[in-house]
Protein backbone atom coordinates (compact mmCIF):
# COMPACT_ATOMS: atom_id res chain seq x y z
CA UNK A 1 105.12 114.40 134.37
CA UNK A 2 102.47 111.94 133.18
CA UNK A 3 101.50 110.65 129.75
CA UNK A 4 98.54 109.37 127.78
CA UNK A 5 98.75 107.08 124.78
CA UNK A 6 96.87 108.45 121.79
CA UNK A 7 94.84 106.25 119.45
CA UNK A 8 97.78 105.71 117.06
CA UNK A 9 100.10 104.71 119.91
CA UNK A 10 101.83 108.07 120.29
CA UNK A 11 102.85 108.98 123.83
CA UNK A 12 101.60 112.46 124.76
CA UNK A 13 103.31 113.99 127.80
CA UNK A 14 101.34 116.17 130.16
CA UNK A 15 101.35 117.53 133.69
CA UNK A 16 98.44 118.18 135.97
CA UNK A 17 98.23 121.17 138.28
CA UNK A 18 95.73 122.57 140.76
CA UNK A 19 92.27 121.41 141.75
CA UNK A 20 88.74 122.01 140.57
CA UNK A 21 86.98 121.40 137.23
CA UNK A 22 89.37 120.04 134.60
CA UNK A 23 90.69 122.26 131.81
CA UNK A 24 92.96 121.27 128.92
CA UNK A 25 95.27 123.94 127.50
CA UNK A 26 96.29 123.78 123.82
CA UNK A 27 99.37 125.67 122.65
CA UNK A 28 99.90 127.45 119.38
CA UNK A 29 102.90 127.07 117.07
CA UNK A 30 106.37 126.48 118.55
CA UNK A 31 105.18 126.41 122.19
CA UNK A 32 105.18 123.63 124.78
CA UNK A 33 104.72 122.90 128.48
CA UNK A 34 108.07 124.59 129.14
CA UNK A 35 108.06 127.41 126.60
CA UNK A 36 105.45 129.97 125.66
CA UNK A 37 102.38 131.46 127.37
CA UNK A 38 100.76 128.34 128.83
CA UNK A 39 102.98 127.77 131.90
CA UNK A 40 101.99 131.16 133.33
CA UNK A 41 98.36 130.71 132.29
CA UNK A 42 98.35 127.29 133.98
CA UNK A 43 99.83 128.78 137.15
CA UNK A 44 97.07 131.38 137.39
CA UNK A 45 94.30 128.90 136.56
CA UNK A 46 95.47 126.25 139.05
CA UNK A 47 93.73 127.72 142.13
CA UNK A 48 90.36 127.29 140.39
CA UNK A 49 90.86 124.36 137.98
CA UNK A 50 92.64 121.07 137.55
CA UNK A 51 94.86 122.12 134.66
CA UNK A 52 96.12 119.70 132.01
CA UNK A 53 99.18 121.22 130.35
CA UNK A 54 100.66 119.09 127.57
CA UNK A 55 103.27 118.88 124.85
CA UNK A 56 101.65 118.67 121.45
CA UNK A 57 103.01 115.80 119.36
CA UNK A 58 106.54 116.36 118.15
CA UNK A 59 107.29 118.77 120.99
CA UNK A 60 108.98 118.38 124.36
CA UNK A 61 108.54 114.90 125.81
CA UNK A 62 105.74 113.81 123.46
CA UNK A 63 106.17 111.35 120.60
CA UNK A 64 105.92 112.14 116.91
CA UNK A 65 104.52 109.16 115.03
CA UNK A 66 104.59 109.58 111.27
CA UNK A 67 102.88 110.28 108.97
CA UNK A 68 101.34 113.31 110.63
CA UNK A 69 97.68 114.17 110.18
CA UNK A 70 95.31 116.64 111.78
CA UNK A 71 93.07 113.76 112.79
CA UNK A 72 95.86 112.33 114.96
CA UNK A 73 96.21 115.64 116.83
CA UNK A 74 92.49 115.65 117.46
CA UNK A 75 92.86 112.14 118.90
CA UNK A 76 95.56 113.51 121.22
CA UNK A 77 93.06 116.03 122.57
CA UNK A 78 90.49 113.26 123.02
CA UNK A 79 93.05 111.17 124.96
CA UNK A 80 93.67 114.08 127.31
CA UNK A 81 89.94 114.61 127.79
CA UNK A 82 89.69 110.94 128.73
CA UNK A 83 92.52 111.37 131.25
CA UNK A 84 90.65 114.36 132.68
CA UNK A 85 87.62 112.18 133.41
CA UNK A 86 85.96 112.03 130.01
CA UNK A 87 85.10 115.69 129.58
CA UNK A 88 86.76 119.02 130.33
CA UNK A 89 86.88 122.68 129.53
CA UNK A 90 89.33 123.51 126.75
CA UNK A 91 91.31 126.66 126.02
CA UNK A 92 93.39 127.10 122.88
CA UNK A 93 95.43 130.01 121.60
CA UNK A 94 96.49 130.87 118.03
CA UNK A 95 96.77 127.67 115.95
CA UNK A 96 96.02 125.76 119.16
CA UNK A 97 92.66 127.52 119.07
CA UNK A 98 92.24 126.17 115.55
CA UNK A 99 93.00 122.67 116.85
CA UNK A 100 90.52 123.10 119.71
CA UNK A 101 87.80 124.14 117.27
CA UNK A 102 88.56 121.19 115.00
CA UNK A 103 88.33 118.86 118.01
CA UNK A 104 84.95 120.33 118.93
CA UNK A 105 83.76 119.93 115.33
CA UNK A 106 84.85 116.27 115.43
CA UNK A 107 82.66 115.60 118.45
CA UNK A 108 85.24 115.66 121.24
CA UNK A 109 83.56 115.80 124.65
CA UNK A 110 84.35 119.43 125.46
CA UNK A 111 82.20 120.99 128.18
CA UNK A 112 83.03 124.59 127.24
CA UNK A 113 85.54 126.02 124.81
CA UNK A 114 87.49 129.28 124.86
CA UNK A 115 89.74 130.40 122.01
CA UNK A 116 92.08 133.33 121.61
CA UNK A 117 92.86 134.66 118.15
CA UNK A 118 92.74 131.56 115.93
CA UNK A 119 94.63 132.84 112.85
CA UNK A 120 91.94 132.54 110.17
CA UNK A 121 93.72 135.23 108.18
CA UNK A 122 93.73 133.71 104.69
CA UNK A 123 96.78 132.43 102.85
CA UNK A 124 96.20 134.11 99.50
CA UNK A 125 98.07 132.24 96.78
CA UNK A 126 100.64 130.80 99.21
CA UNK A 127 100.73 127.13 100.18
CA UNK A 128 102.31 127.54 103.59
CA UNK A 129 102.06 123.87 104.51
CA UNK A 130 103.85 122.76 101.35
CA UNK A 131 106.60 125.37 101.77
CA UNK A 132 107.19 124.47 105.41
CA UNK A 133 107.23 120.75 104.64
CA UNK A 134 109.81 121.32 101.92
CA UNK A 135 112.10 123.31 104.19
CA UNK A 136 111.81 120.85 107.08
CA UNK A 137 112.34 117.82 104.81
CA UNK A 138 115.58 119.35 103.51
CA UNK A 139 116.84 119.98 107.04
CA UNK A 140 116.39 123.76 106.87
CA UNK A 141 114.78 124.33 110.25
CA UNK A 142 116.14 127.86 110.58
CA UNK A 143 114.74 128.75 107.17
CA UNK A 144 111.37 127.26 108.15
CA UNK A 145 111.36 129.39 111.29
CA UNK A 146 112.19 132.53 109.35
CA UNK A 147 109.55 131.76 106.71
CA UNK A 148 106.94 131.25 109.43
CA UNK A 149 107.87 134.47 111.21
CA UNK A 150 108.41 136.78 108.25
CA UNK A 151 106.03 135.47 105.58
CA UNK A 152 103.23 134.05 107.73
CA UNK A 153 103.24 135.97 111.01
CA UNK A 154 104.68 139.17 109.47
CA UNK A 155 107.35 139.73 112.11
CA UNK A 156 109.69 142.48 110.81
CA UNK A 157 112.95 141.07 109.41
CA UNK A 158 115.18 142.99 111.88
CA UNK A 159 113.22 141.49 114.79
CA UNK A 160 113.64 137.99 113.38
CA UNK A 161 117.37 138.64 113.01
CA UNK A 162 117.63 139.78 116.63
CA UNK A 163 115.72 136.69 117.77
CA UNK A 164 118.18 134.46 115.92
CA UNK A 165 120.97 135.99 118.02
CA UNK A 166 119.25 135.03 121.27
CA UNK A 167 120.81 131.60 121.40
CA UNK A 168 118.78 130.10 124.22
CA UNK A 169 115.40 131.08 122.77
CA UNK A 170 116.42 130.32 119.19
CA UNK A 171 117.59 126.84 120.23
CA UNK A 172 114.17 126.14 121.75
CA UNK A 173 112.43 127.32 118.60
CA UNK A 174 114.69 125.23 116.39
CA UNK A 175 113.90 122.15 118.47
CA UNK A 176 110.23 122.29 117.46
CA UNK A 177 110.50 123.97 114.04
CA UNK A 178 109.76 120.62 112.36
CA UNK A 179 106.20 120.84 113.78
CA UNK A 180 105.36 124.07 111.92
CA UNK A 181 103.81 122.10 109.02
CA UNK A 182 101.49 120.51 111.61
CA UNK A 183 100.07 123.90 112.55
CA UNK A 184 99.70 124.77 108.87
CA UNK A 185 97.80 121.50 108.31
CA UNK A 186 95.44 122.34 111.16
CA UNK A 187 94.72 125.79 109.75
CA UNK A 188 94.13 124.46 106.21
CA UNK A 189 93.49 127.38 103.87
CA UNK A 190 93.63 129.77 106.86
CA UNK A 191 89.96 130.65 106.45
CA UNK A 192 87.16 129.88 108.92
CA UNK A 193 85.92 126.34 108.11
CA UNK A 194 82.33 127.51 108.23
CA UNK A 195 80.66 124.28 107.15
CA UNK A 196 82.36 122.26 109.89
CA UNK A 197 82.11 124.81 112.68
CA UNK A 198 78.45 125.66 112.07
CA UNK A 199 77.57 122.35 113.74
CA UNK A 200 79.58 123.05 116.92
CA UNK A 201 77.07 123.47 119.74
CA UNK A 202 79.67 123.70 122.53
CA UNK A 203 79.39 126.99 124.45
CA UNK A 204 82.33 129.00 123.15
CA UNK A 205 84.11 132.19 124.14
CA UNK A 206 85.98 133.76 121.20
CA UNK A 207 88.48 136.45 122.16
CA UNK A 208 90.91 138.87 120.62
CA UNK A 209 93.04 141.72 121.93
CA UNK A 210 92.17 145.38 121.64
CA UNK A 211 95.59 146.17 120.16
CA UNK A 212 96.02 143.06 118.03
CA UNK A 213 96.48 143.39 114.23
CA UNK A 214 93.26 144.04 112.32
CA UNK A 215 93.48 140.75 110.42
CA UNK A 216 93.34 138.79 113.69
CA UNK A 217 90.39 140.82 114.97
CA UNK A 218 88.64 140.18 111.66
CA UNK A 219 89.40 136.46 111.98
CA UNK A 220 87.62 136.28 115.33
CA UNK A 221 84.71 138.37 114.04
CA UNK A 222 84.34 135.94 111.10
CA UNK A 223 84.43 132.99 113.51
CA UNK A 224 81.72 134.53 115.68
CA UNK A 225 79.40 134.76 112.67
CA UNK A 226 79.66 130.98 112.17
CA UNK A 227 79.50 129.42 115.64
CA UNK A 228 75.91 128.93 116.87
CA UNK A 229 76.63 129.14 120.61
CA UNK A 230 79.33 131.78 120.96
CA UNK A 231 80.21 134.81 123.02
CA UNK A 232 82.59 137.46 121.66
CA UNK A 233 84.98 139.35 123.92
CA UNK A 234 87.75 141.87 123.35
CA UNK A 235 90.54 142.08 125.92
CA UNK A 236 91.54 145.76 126.13
CA UNK A 237 95.16 146.60 125.53
CA UNK A 238 96.14 143.10 124.45
CA UNK A 239 97.99 141.85 121.38
CA UNK A 240 98.48 138.31 120.07
CA UNK A 241 100.93 137.84 122.94
CA UNK A 242 98.18 138.12 125.51
CA UNK A 243 98.97 138.75 129.16
CA UNK A 244 98.04 135.82 131.39
CA UNK A 245 96.99 138.29 134.09
CA UNK A 246 94.38 139.75 131.73
CA UNK A 247 93.33 136.51 130.05
CA UNK A 248 92.82 134.26 133.06
CA UNK A 249 90.06 136.31 134.75
CA UNK A 250 88.09 136.18 131.49
CA UNK A 251 88.57 132.41 131.30
CA UNK A 252 87.64 131.92 134.95
CA UNK A 253 84.46 133.97 134.57
CA UNK A 254 83.35 132.11 131.44
CA UNK A 255 84.12 128.58 132.59
CA UNK A 256 82.79 128.88 136.13
CA UNK A 257 79.73 131.08 135.68
CA UNK A 258 77.22 128.19 135.49
CA UNK A 259 79.02 126.17 138.16
CA UNK A 260 78.41 128.62 141.00
């Protein structure tokens, strides 16, 4: 394991795998280098890329300097790009896709960007960030997890209950539940930030699954209407929990097509 030091002094842990053009992977909510989809994605990308797999701040071996702000997470991405040689491809999934897009809008030196289902699904009247902050501040991590899953992600209550009985997985989720407000801060009002993203000239691949909920498909379709240099792709048979075996060939094709 290696680490970079972000602009505010926070230590961001990462590991590097493989060889080839550099690519930084950005996780969504609750995931890390050791938990979630990115380890398998990194494994399949490593024969073609130098993969930078990292713990977002507050997770795993990374620091968690307070107070949190979205701008600090963007600086973390910039620090990883610097470690990768100053520029790299970037792939983000779910709220990590939102962070990747915000980094691109802030001028981070991203060579190409791919995103999978950034959840621009609207929050309605709810203030998810405020609710999550309140639960975390009062020490109610389990309640924050359940609020995120049931009220935000719309996981059926019986499924959430069954997950809470899986002690090993639930313990991992509890360990990073305090970072859920960070993802909510990144997503803002959960609508496409059209004014900011309209200036993003980075070549971008925006993807969603063929079997994903309609609101996530609509989110990607709304994003595609805003970005000026974007390609839209549906991955047949996939849901929000995309298969690495299906995703990685699409990433490889997009990132390497002009390098051949």
